[in-house]
Amino acid sequence: MKIALRVLIGLLVIAALGVALIPLFVLLDLNDGGTGWGLCDAGVATCRNSYFAGFELIAWLAAALFVIAGLIGLTARVLRWVERREKERRDPELLVG
Protein backbone atom coordinates (compact mmCIF):
# COMPACT_ATOMS: atom_id res chain seq x y z
CA MET A 1 0.00 0.00 0.00
CA LYS A 2 2.80 2.40 0.90
CA ILE A 3 4.62 1.73 -2.34
CA ALA A 4 1.47 2.36 -4.38
CA LEU A 5 0.89 5.68 -2.58
CA ARG A 6 4.49 6.75 -3.14
CA VAL A 7 4.25 5.85 -6.83
CA LEU A 8 0.99 7.83 -7.04
CA ILE A 9 2.67 10.86 -5.46
CA GLY A 10 5.53 10.56 -7.96
CA LEU A 11 3.11 10.37 -10.88
CA LEU A 12 1.19 13.39 -9.58
CA VAL A 13 4.42 15.39 -9.27
CA ILE A 14 5.35 14.44 -12.85
CA ALA A 15 1.85 15.48 -13.98
CA ALA A 16 2.22 18.83 -12.19
CA LEU A 17 5.56 19.43 -13.90
CA GLY A 18 4.02 18.52 -17.25
CA VAL A 19 1.14 20.96 -16.76
CA ALA A 20 3.55 23.67 -15.65
CA LEU A 21 5.69 23.18 -18.77
CA ILE A 22 2.82 23.38 -21.29
CA PRO A 23 3.09 27.20 -21.75
CA LEU A 24 6.80 26.83 -22.50
CA PHE A 25 6.14 24.22 -25.18
CA VAL A 26 3.35 26.34 -26.69
CA LEU A 27 5.69 29.34 -26.92
CA LEU A 28 8.50 27.23 -28.39
CA ASP A 29 6.09 25.87 -31.00
CA LEU A 30 4.91 29.38 -31.90
CA ASN A 31 8.52 30.57 -32.09
CA ASP A 32 9.36 27.82 -34.58
CA GLY A 33 6.45 28.84 -36.83
CA GLY A 34 3.98 26.28 -35.54
CA THR A 35 0.38 26.70 -34.48
CA GLY A 36 1.09 26.89 -30.76
CA TRP A 37 -0.77 23.62 -30.22
CA GLY A 38 -3.85 25.00 -31.90
CA LEU A 39 -3.88 28.54 -30.52
CA CYS A 40 -3.01 30.12 -33.87
CA ASP A 41 -4.07 28.17 -36.97
CA ALA A 42 -1.51 29.62 -39.38
CA GLY A 43 1.21 30.74 -36.99
CA VAL A 44 1.67 33.81 -34.85
CA ALA A 45 1.78 36.28 -37.77
CA THR A 46 -1.84 35.62 -38.72
CA CYS A 47 -3.18 34.82 -35.26
CA ARG A 48 -6.68 36.24 -34.77
CA ASN A 49 -7.52 34.94 -31.29
CA SER A 50 -9.37 37.06 -28.81
CA TYR A 51 -7.55 38.74 -25.98
CA PHE A 52 -8.92 36.17 -23.57
CA ALA A 53 -7.52 33.02 -25.23
CA GLY A 54 -4.24 33.24 -23.33
CA PHE A 55 -5.97 34.02 -20.06
CA GLU A 56 -8.34 31.10 -20.56
CA LEU A 57 -5.40 28.76 -21.11
CA ILE A 58 -3.66 30.09 -18.00
CA ALA A 59 -6.85 29.68 -15.95
CA TRP A 60 -7.28 26.05 -17.04
CA LEU A 61 -3.63 25.27 -16.34
CA ALA A 62 -3.76 26.96 -12.92
CA ALA A 63 -6.92 25.04 -12.02
CA ALA A 64 -5.26 21.79 -13.09
CA LEU A 65 -2.20 22.61 -10.97
CA PHE A 66 -4.38 23.36 -7.93
CA VAL A 67 -6.24 20.07 -8.35
CA ILE A 68 -3.00 18.12 -8.74
CA ALA A 69 -1.47 19.88 -5.72
CA GLY A 70 -4.55 19.03 -3.68
CA LEU A 71 -4.31 15.39 -4.75
CA ILE A 72 -0.63 15.33 -3.79
CA GLY A 73 -1.49 16.71 -0.34
CA LEU A 74 -4.34 14.25 0.14
CA THR A 75 -2.20 11.31 -0.96
CA ALA A 76 0.63 12.38 1.36
CA ARG A 77 -1.84 12.61 4.25
CA VAL A 78 -3.15 9.10 3.51
CA LEU A 79 0.43 7.83 3.31
CA ARG A 80 1.24 9.33 6.74
CA TRP A 81 -1.93 7.76 8.17
CA VAL A 82 -1.00 4.33 6.75
CA GLU A 83 2.55 4.61 8.12
CA ARG A 84 1.25 5.64 11.55
CA ARG A 85 -1.18 2.70 11.64
CA GLU A 86 1.58 0.33 10.60
CA LYS A 87 3.86 1.69 13.32
CA GLU A 88 1.12 1.29 15.95
CA ARG A 89 0.65 -2.34 14.92
CA ARG A 90 4.36 -3.03 15.28
CA ASP A 91 4.73 -1.25 18.63
CA PRO A 92 1.56 -1.52 20.74
CA GLU A 93 3.15 0.55 23.56
CA LEU A 94 2.63 3.64 21.45
CA LEU A 95 -1.10 3.33 22.05
CA VAL A 96 -0.68 3.63 25.85
CA GLY A 97 0.55 7.13 26.33
C-alpha atoms as a PDB file:
ATOM      1  CA  MET A   1       0.000   0.000   0.000  1.00  0.00           C
ATOM      2  CA  LYS A   2       2.796   2.402   0.902  1.00  0.00           C
ATOM      3  CA  ILE A   3       4.623   1.732  -2.341  1.00  0.00           C
ATOM      4  CA  ALA A   4       1.474   2.365  -4.378  1.00  0.00           C
ATOM      5  CA  LEU A   5       0.895   5.676  -2.581  1.00  0.00           C
ATOM      6  CA  ARG A   6       4.491   6.747  -3.142  1.00  0.00           C
ATOM      7  CA  VAL A   7       4.247   5.851  -6.832  1.00  0.00           C
ATOM      8  CA  LEU A   8       0.991   7.827  -7.037  1.00  0.00           C
ATOM      9  CA  ILE A   9       2.675  10.861  -5.458  1.00  0.00           C
ATOM     10  CA  GLY A  10       5.529  10.557  -7.956  1.00  0.00           C
ATOM     11  CA  LEU A  11       3.106  10.368 -10.884  1.00  0.00           C
ATOM     12  CA  LEU A  12       1.193  13.385  -9.585  1.00  0.00           C
ATOM     13  CA  VAL A  13       4.425  15.386  -9.273  1.00  0.00           C
ATOM     14  CA  ILE A  14       5.350  14.438 -12.845  1.00  0.00           C
ATOM     15  CA  ALA A  15       1.852  15.484 -13.983  1.00  0.00           C
ATOM     16  CA  ALA A  16       2.222  18.831 -12.195  1.00  0.00           C
ATOM     17  CA  LEU A  17       5.556  19.430 -13.898  1.00  0.00           C
ATOM     18  CA  GLY A  18       4.017  18.525 -17.250  1.00  0.00           C
ATOM     19  CA  VAL A  19       1.142  20.957 -16.760  1.00  0.00           C
ATOM     20  CA  ALA A  20       3.555  23.669 -15.645  1.00  0.00           C
ATOM     21  CA  LEU A  21       5.691  23.181 -18.771  1.00  0.00           C
ATOM     22  CA  ILE A  22       2.818  23.383 -21.287  1.00  0.00           C
ATOM     23  CA  PRO A  23       3.092  27.197 -21.753  1.00  0.00           C
ATOM     24  CA  LEU A  24       6.803  26.826 -22.499  1.00  0.00           C
ATOM     25  CA  PHE A  25       6.145  24.224 -25.177  1.00  0.00           C
ATOM     26  CA  VAL A  26       3.349  26.341 -26.687  1.00  0.00           C
ATOM     27  CA  LEU A  27       5.693  29.341 -26.923  1.00  0.00           C
ATOM     28  CA  LEU A  28       8.496  27.230 -28.388  1.00  0.00           C
ATOM     29  CA  ASP A  29       6.086  25.869 -31.002  1.00  0.00           C
ATOM     30  CA  LEU A  30       4.914  29.383 -31.904  1.00  0.00           C
ATOM     31  CA  ASN A  31       8.521  30.569 -32.090  1.00  0.00           C
ATOM     32  CA  ASP A  32       9.357  27.820 -34.583  1.00  0.00           C
ATOM     33  CA  GLY A  33       6.454  28.843 -36.826  1.00  0.00           C
ATOM     34  CA  GLY A  34       3.981  26.277 -35.537  1.00  0.00           C
ATOM     35  CA  THR A  35       0.382  26.701 -34.485  1.00  0.00           C
ATOM     36  CA  GLY A  36       1.087  26.892 -30.763  1.00  0.00           C
ATOM     37  CA  TRP A  37      -0.768  23.621 -30.216  1.00  0.00           C
ATOM     38  CA  GLY A  38      -3.853  24.997 -31.899  1.00  0.00           C
ATOM     39  CA  LEU A  39      -3.881  28.543 -30.517  1.00  0.00           C
ATOM     40  CA  CYS A  40      -3.007  30.115 -33.867  1.00  0.00           C
ATOM     41  CA  ASP A  41      -4.067  28.173 -36.974  1.00  0.00           C
ATOM     42  CA  ALA A  42      -1.508  29.621 -39.376  1.00  0.00           C
ATOM     43  CA  GLY A  43       1.214  30.742 -36.995  1.00  0.00           C
ATOM     44  CA  VAL A  44       1.672  33.806 -34.854  1.00  0.00           C
ATOM     45  CA  ALA A  45       1.783  36.278 -37.774  1.00  0.00           C
ATOM     46  CA  THR A  46      -1.841  35.623 -38.721  1.00  0.00           C
ATOM     47  CA  CYS A  47      -3.179  34.821 -35.260  1.00  0.00           C
ATOM     48  CA  ARG A  48      -6.675  36.239 -34.773  1.00  0.00           C
ATOM     49  CA  ASN A  49      -7.520  34.935 -31.293  1.00  0.00           C
ATOM     50  CA  SER A  50      -9.370  37.056 -28.807  1.00  0.00           C
ATOM     51  CA  TYR A  51      -7.547  38.741 -25.980  1.00  0.00           C
ATOM     52  CA  PHE A  52      -8.917  36.167 -23.572  1.00  0.00           C
ATOM     53  CA  ALA A  53      -7.525  33.015 -25.232  1.00  0.00           C
ATOM     54  CA  GLY A  54      -4.245  33.241 -23.330  1.00  0.00           C
ATOM     55  CA  PHE A  55      -5.968  34.021 -20.060  1.00  0.00           C
ATOM     56  CA  GLU A  56      -8.339  31.103 -20.557  1.00  0.00           C
ATOM     57  CA  LEU A  57      -5.395  28.764 -21.111  1.00  0.00           C
ATOM     58  CA  ILE A  58      -3.665  30.092 -17.999  1.00  0.00           C
ATOM     59  CA  ALA A  59      -6.848  29.677 -15.951  1.00  0.00           C
ATOM     60  CA  TRP A  60      -7.278  26.054 -17.035  1.00  0.00           C
ATOM     61  CA  LEU A  61      -3.632  25.273 -16.339  1.00  0.00           C
ATOM     62  CA  ALA A  62      -3.764  26.960 -12.923  1.00  0.00           C
ATOM     63  CA  ALA A  63      -6.920  25.040 -12.023  1.00  0.00           C
ATOM     64  CA  ALA A  64      -5.258  21.793 -13.092  1.00  0.00           C
ATOM     65  CA  LEU A  65      -2.204  22.608 -10.973  1.00  0.00           C
ATOM     66  CA  PHE A  66      -4.377  23.358  -7.931  1.00  0.00           C
ATOM     67  CA  VAL A  67      -6.236  20.071  -8.351  1.00  0.00           C
ATOM     68  CA  ILE A  68      -3.002  18.122  -8.744  1.00  0.00           C
ATOM     69  CA  ALA A  69      -1.465  19.878  -5.725  1.00  0.00           C
ATOM     70  CA  GLY A  70      -4.552  19.026  -3.678  1.00  0.00           C
ATOM     71  CA  LEU A  71      -4.310  15.394  -4.748  1.00  0.00           C
ATOM     72  CA  ILE A  72      -0.630  15.331  -3.789  1.00  0.00           C
ATOM     73  CA  GLY A  73      -1.488  16.708  -0.336  1.00  0.00           C
ATOM     74  CA  LEU A  74      -4.336  14.247   0.139  1.00  0.00           C
ATOM     75  CA  THR A  75      -2.195  11.307  -0.961  1.00  0.00           C
ATOM     76  CA  ALA A  76       0.626  12.381   1.356  1.00  0.00           C
ATOM     77  CA  ARG A  77      -1.842  12.611   4.249  1.00  0.00           C
ATOM     78  CA  VAL A  78      -3.150   9.102   3.511  1.00  0.00           C
ATOM     79  CA  LEU A  79       0.434   7.829   3.307  1.00  0.00           C
ATOM     80  CA  ARG A  80       1.239   9.327   6.739  1.00  0.00           C
ATOM     81  CA  TRP A  81      -1.934   7.756   8.165  1.00  0.00           C
ATOM     82  CA  VAL A  82      -0.999   4.326   6.748  1.00  0.00           C
ATOM     83  CA  GLU A  83       2.545   4.611   8.119  1.00  0.00           C
ATOM     84  CA  ARG A  84       1.255   5.637  11.553  1.00  0.00           C
ATOM     85  CA  ARG A  85      -1.184   2.702  11.637  1.00  0.00           C
ATOM     86  CA  GLU A  86       1.576   0.325  10.602  1.00  0.00           C
ATOM     87  CA  LYS A  87       3.864   1.690  13.317  1.00  0.00           C
ATOM     88  CA  GLU A  88       1.121   1.294  15.946  1.00  0.00           C
ATOM     89  CA  ARG A  89       0.651  -2.335  14.921  1.00  0.00           C
ATOM     90  CA  ARG A  90       4.364  -3.030  15.283  1.00  0.00           C
ATOM     91  CA  ASP A  91       4.734  -1.255  18.626  1.00  0.00           C
ATOM     92  CA  PRO A  92       1.555  -1.520  20.744  1.00  0.00           C
ATOM     93  CA  GLU A  93       3.155   0.551  23.562  1.00  0.00           C
ATOM     94  CA  LEU A  94       2.632   3.640  21.447  1.00  0.00           C
ATOM     95  CA  LEU A  95      -1.099   3.334  22.047  1.00  0.00           C
ATOM     96  CA  VAL A  96      -0.678   3.631  25.849  1.00  0.00           C
ATOM     97  CA  GLY A  97       0.549   7.128  26.327  1.00  0.00           C
END
